[in-house]
Protein backbone atom coordinates (compact mmCIF):
# COMPACT_ATOMS: atom_id res chain seq x y z
CA MET A 1 68.41 27.06 -11.29
CA PHE A 2 66.97 24.31 -9.38
CA LEU A 3 63.42 23.22 -10.09
CA HIS A 4 61.83 22.31 -6.80
CA ARG A 5 58.84 20.05 -7.40
CA HIS A 6 56.53 19.05 -4.62
CA PRO A 7 57.18 15.27 -4.10
CA TYR A 8 53.91 14.42 -2.70
CA PRO A 9 50.21 14.65 -4.06
CA PRO A 10 47.62 16.11 -1.88
CA PHE A 11 46.49 13.54 0.78
CA LEU A 12 42.79 13.81 0.43
CA PHE A 13 39.96 11.21 0.98
CA GLU A 14 36.21 11.13 1.33
CA GLY A 15 35.12 12.66 4.62
CA VAL A 16 38.10 14.82 5.17
CA GLU A 17 37.27 17.82 7.31
CA LYS A 18 40.47 19.86 7.80
CA LEU A 19 43.44 20.47 5.48
CA ILE A 20 46.87 21.14 6.52
CA VAL A 21 48.29 23.76 4.14
CA GLY A 22 51.93 24.58 3.79
CA THR A 23 54.39 25.35 0.85
CA LEU A 24 57.15 22.91 -0.07
CA PRO A 25 59.20 20.33 1.91
CA PRO A 26 63.07 20.76 1.82
CA PRO A 27 64.49 20.01 -1.64
CA ARG A 28 66.11 16.78 -0.48
CA PHE A 29 62.56 15.38 -0.27
CA SER A 30 62.25 16.09 -4.06
CA THR A 31 65.62 14.39 -4.86
CA GLN A 32 65.07 11.43 -2.40
CA GLU A 33 68.29 12.27 -0.56
CA PHE A 34 67.09 11.75 2.92
CA LYS A 35 68.81 12.43 6.33
CA THR A 36 68.70 9.99 9.36
CA GLY A 37 65.43 10.74 11.04
CA ASP A 38 63.52 12.04 7.98
CA VAL A 39 60.16 10.27 7.19
CA ASP A 40 59.34 10.04 3.52
CA PHE A 41 55.98 11.83 3.73
CA CYS A 42 54.62 15.27 4.10
CA TYR A 43 56.19 17.35 6.83
CA GLY A 44 58.62 14.48 7.34
CA SER A 45 61.96 16.52 7.74
CA ARG A 46 63.69 15.67 10.99
CA ASP A 47 64.07 19.34 11.48
CA GLY A 48 60.39 20.01 11.20
CA GLN A 49 58.07 20.23 14.28
CA LEU A 50 54.60 19.45 12.92
CA TRP A 51 54.74 15.73 13.59
CA PRO A 52 56.38 16.09 17.00
CA ILE A 53 53.66 18.59 17.86
CA LEU A 54 50.96 16.18 16.86
CA ASP A 55 52.74 13.24 18.53
CA ARG A 56 52.63 15.32 21.85
CA ILE A 57 48.88 16.36 21.48
CA PHE A 58 47.61 12.91 20.51
CA GLU A 59 50.24 10.70 22.35
CA LEU A 60 50.80 8.87 19.04
CA ASP A 61 54.25 7.29 19.83
CA LEU A 62 55.42 8.03 16.28
CA LYS A 63 58.51 6.71 14.78
CA PHE A 64 60.81 9.14 13.33
CA GLU A 65 62.77 7.22 10.62
CA THR A 66 62.88 6.66 6.88
CA THR A 67 60.60 3.46 7.05
CA GLU A 68 57.27 2.30 5.63
CA GLU A 69 55.97 1.92 9.17
CA ALA A 70 56.56 5.68 9.92
CA ILE A 71 54.74 6.63 6.80
CA ALA A 72 51.78 4.27 7.79
CA GLN A 73 51.53 5.72 11.25
CA ARG A 74 51.12 9.14 9.85
CA LYS A 75 48.52 8.15 7.18
CA ASN A 76 46.58 6.23 9.68
CA PHE A 77 46.32 9.18 12.05
CA LEU A 78 45.17 11.56 9.33
CA LEU A 79 42.51 9.06 8.25
CA GLU A 80 41.24 8.46 11.73
CA HIS A 81 41.01 12.15 12.45
CA ASN A 82 39.73 13.28 9.06
CA ILE A 83 42.72 15.56 8.51
CA GLY A 84 44.15 15.84 5.14
CA ILE A 85 47.21 17.64 3.60
CA CYS A 86 47.07 19.88 0.56
CA ASP A 87 50.27 22.10 0.24
CA ILE A 88 49.59 25.08 -1.94
CA VAL A 89 53.00 25.13 -3.90
CA GLU A 90 53.21 22.67 -6.78
CA SER A 91 56.71 23.87 -7.77
CA ALA A 92 59.18 26.68 -7.64
CA GLU A 93 62.56 27.51 -8.93
CA ARG A 94 65.51 28.24 -6.66
CA LYS A 95 68.97 29.89 -7.19
CA LYS A 96 70.04 28.51 -3.96
CA VAL A 97 69.06 24.94 -2.97
CA ASP A 98 67.49 25.35 0.30
CA ALA A 99 64.09 25.31 1.94
CA SER A 100 63.72 29.04 2.42
CA ASP A 101 60.07 30.24 1.36
CA LEU A 102 61.67 33.58 0.32
CA GLY A 103 64.04 31.84 -2.14
CA MET A 104 61.27 30.41 -4.16
CA GLN A 105 60.73 32.05 -7.68
CA HIS A 106 58.48 31.39 -10.57
CA ILE A 107 56.04 29.73 -8.29
CA VAL A 108 53.31 27.52 -9.61
CA LEU A 109 50.32 27.14 -7.04
CA ARG A 110 47.96 24.24 -6.62
CA ASP A 111 44.33 24.88 -7.28
CA ILE A 112 42.95 24.45 -3.78
CA LEU A 113 39.52 25.86 -4.55
CA LYS A 114 39.18 23.17 -6.99
CA TYR A 115 40.10 20.52 -4.37
CA LEU A 116 37.52 22.09 -2.06
CA GLN A 117 34.87 21.78 -4.78
CA ARG A 118 35.65 18.12 -4.87
CA PHE A 119 35.85 17.46 -1.15
CA THR A 120 32.96 19.42 0.22
CA SER A 121 33.25 18.14 3.69
CA VAL A 122 36.36 20.28 4.31
CA HIS A 123 35.43 23.09 6.71
CA THR A 124 38.80 24.32 8.03
CA LEU A 125 42.27 25.11 6.42
CA LEU A 126 45.14 25.03 8.78
CA PHE A 127 48.00 27.17 7.46
CA THR A 128 51.48 26.22 8.71
CA GLY A 129 52.52 29.83 8.62
CA GLY A 130 51.01 33.24 8.29
CA ASN A 131 50.80 36.09 5.77
CA SER A 132 54.55 36.97 5.49
CA LYS A 133 55.83 36.83 1.91
CA ASN A 134 55.67 33.28 0.27
CA GLY A 135 53.98 31.73 3.34
CA PRO A 136 50.91 29.55 2.82
CA GLU A 137 48.36 32.37 3.92
CA TYR A 138 50.18 34.77 1.56
CA PHE A 139 49.77 32.36 -1.38
CA PHE A 140 46.27 31.40 -0.47
CA ARG A 141 45.27 35.16 -0.61
CA ARG A 142 46.79 35.56 -3.99
CA HIS A 143 44.92 32.39 -5.12
CA LEU A 144 41.61 33.80 -3.88
CA LYS A 145 42.44 37.22 -5.39
CA ASP A 146 42.91 35.45 -8.81
CA HIS A 147 39.31 34.35 -8.42
CA GLY A 148 37.94 37.90 -7.34
CA MET A 149 37.75 36.89 -3.68
CA LYS A 150 39.44 37.61 -0.27
CA LEU A 151 39.54 36.52 3.23
CA GLU A 152 37.27 38.02 5.93
CA VAL A 153 38.62 38.42 9.41
CA VAL A 154 37.08 36.42 12.23
CA SER A 155 39.94 37.03 14.80
CA SER A 156 43.16 39.11 14.59
CA GLU A 157 44.52 37.57 17.57
CA VAL A 158 47.45 34.96 17.09
CA PRO A 159 46.71 32.58 15.53
CA ARG A 160 44.72 34.70 13.06
CA ILE A 161 41.49 33.32 11.83
CA HIS A 162 39.62 34.19 8.64
CA GLN A 163 36.88 32.80 6.40
CA PHE A 164 35.60 32.87 2.95
CA VAL A 165 32.68 31.48 0.89
CA HIS A 166 33.60 28.96 -1.77
CA PRO A 167 32.06 30.30 -5.01
CA SER A 168 30.84 26.88 -6.30
CA THR A 169 29.67 25.11 -3.12
CA GLU A 170 28.56 28.42 -1.28
CA LYS A 171 30.07 26.81 1.85
CA THR A 172 31.85 29.02 4.47
CA ILE A 173 35.32 27.72 5.07
CA LYS A 174 37.46 28.93 8.14
CA THR A 175 41.23 29.43 7.81
CA VAL A 176 43.68 29.36 10.75
CA SER A 177 47.25 30.71 10.45
CA LEU A 178 49.23 28.75 12.86
CA THR A 179 52.76 29.80 14.00
CA ALA A 180 55.03 28.03 11.54
CA PRO A 181 56.31 24.53 13.04
CA SER A 182 59.93 25.32 12.37
CA GLY A 183 62.88 26.47 14.11
CA ALA A 184 63.23 29.56 11.91
CA ALA A 185 59.84 30.89 13.59
CA ASN A 186 61.20 30.60 17.06
CA ARG A 187 62.17 34.41 17.12
CA ALA A 188 58.50 35.14 16.11
CA VAL A 189 57.27 33.06 18.92
CA GLY A 190 59.60 34.52 21.41
CA SER A 191 58.33 38.08 20.54
CA LEU A 192 54.75 37.20 21.39
CA SER A 193 53.40 38.83 24.63
CA LEU A 194 51.54 35.50 25.58
CA TYR A 195 54.69 33.45 25.27
CA LYS A 196 56.77 36.05 27.30
CA LYS A 197 53.98 35.86 30.05
CA LEU A 198 53.94 31.99 30.18
CA LYS A 199 57.69 31.91 30.08
CA ASP A 200 57.80 34.41 33.07
CA GLU A 201 55.46 32.12 34.96
CA ASN A 202 57.41 28.91 34.07
CA ALA A 203 61.16 29.08 33.16
CA ASP A 204 60.81 25.61 31.51
CA PHE A 205 58.12 26.68 29.04
CA THR A 206 59.46 26.45 25.49
CA THR A 207 58.56 27.71 21.98
CA PHE A 208 57.71 24.06 21.24
CA ASP A 209 55.36 23.89 24.25
CA PHE A 210 53.70 27.24 22.99
CA ARG A 211 53.00 25.58 19.67
CA VAL A 212 51.63 22.53 21.23
CA MET A 213 49.28 24.78 23.21
CA GLN A 214 48.37 26.74 20.01
CA TYR A 215 47.75 23.86 17.75
CA ARG A 216 45.92 21.59 20.20
CA PRO A 217 42.38 23.28 20.04
CA PHE A 218 42.47 23.36 16.21
CA PHE A 219 43.50 19.68 15.65
CA LYS A 220 41.51 18.23 18.40
CA SER A 221 38.26 20.08 17.97
C-alpha cells in the first residue's frame, strides 16, 4: 500500500480572497520524481490544465519546467490576484500508484473550516471538480457534515454554485464547482449541451477553450 501524502502545504496569506480546492497531485510529486515539463508546485503536472488555463486567461507567459523561476511565476500570480490554494486531502493510501481520485483509501482531510476561520478575507472556494465520489466538492460536503453543516444551492447550472455560513465567523462563503482541469474530464465536457452548441457553431472550439470560458469569470471577478 502506497501512502500518498500531499507534498505542499496550503498556499495562504493575509488578504487572500479565493481558494482553489482540489485533492492530491500525482504521486510523483510526493516522491519528487518529476517528468520533463512538471513544475514543483501545486497543480504543476505537465498533464494538468489549470495553469495553462490561467496562462491563457491572464496572458501570463508562464514557463512549464522544473525550475525555481516557474514556481516563482505562479506564486507571484497568486499573490497579485489574492488567490490561495488549499487542497482538501492531506493524505491517502493507494493500492495502485496513480493519480485516480477513486483509488484513494483511508483518506485524511484537511480542516478547511479552520483555515477559513484564520483567513477571514476568503469569500469563494473554487473546487477543481464536482461532487463525484472522491472529488473536492464531495469531500467538502463530508467535511461540512462532520460539523453539522451542508451546502445551500445558489445555482444548479454547470458550474454549480453553492454557499454556506461559517459557524465561527458567521460569514457566507460561496463555492464554485468547476469542471476538472484534467484530460479525464474531457468526456464530461463533451456531453454538456452548451459545449455541443458552441462546437456546432465553431468546429475549432475545444474542451480546453470551454474550460477557459468557464473559469474566466470566477478567477477574474
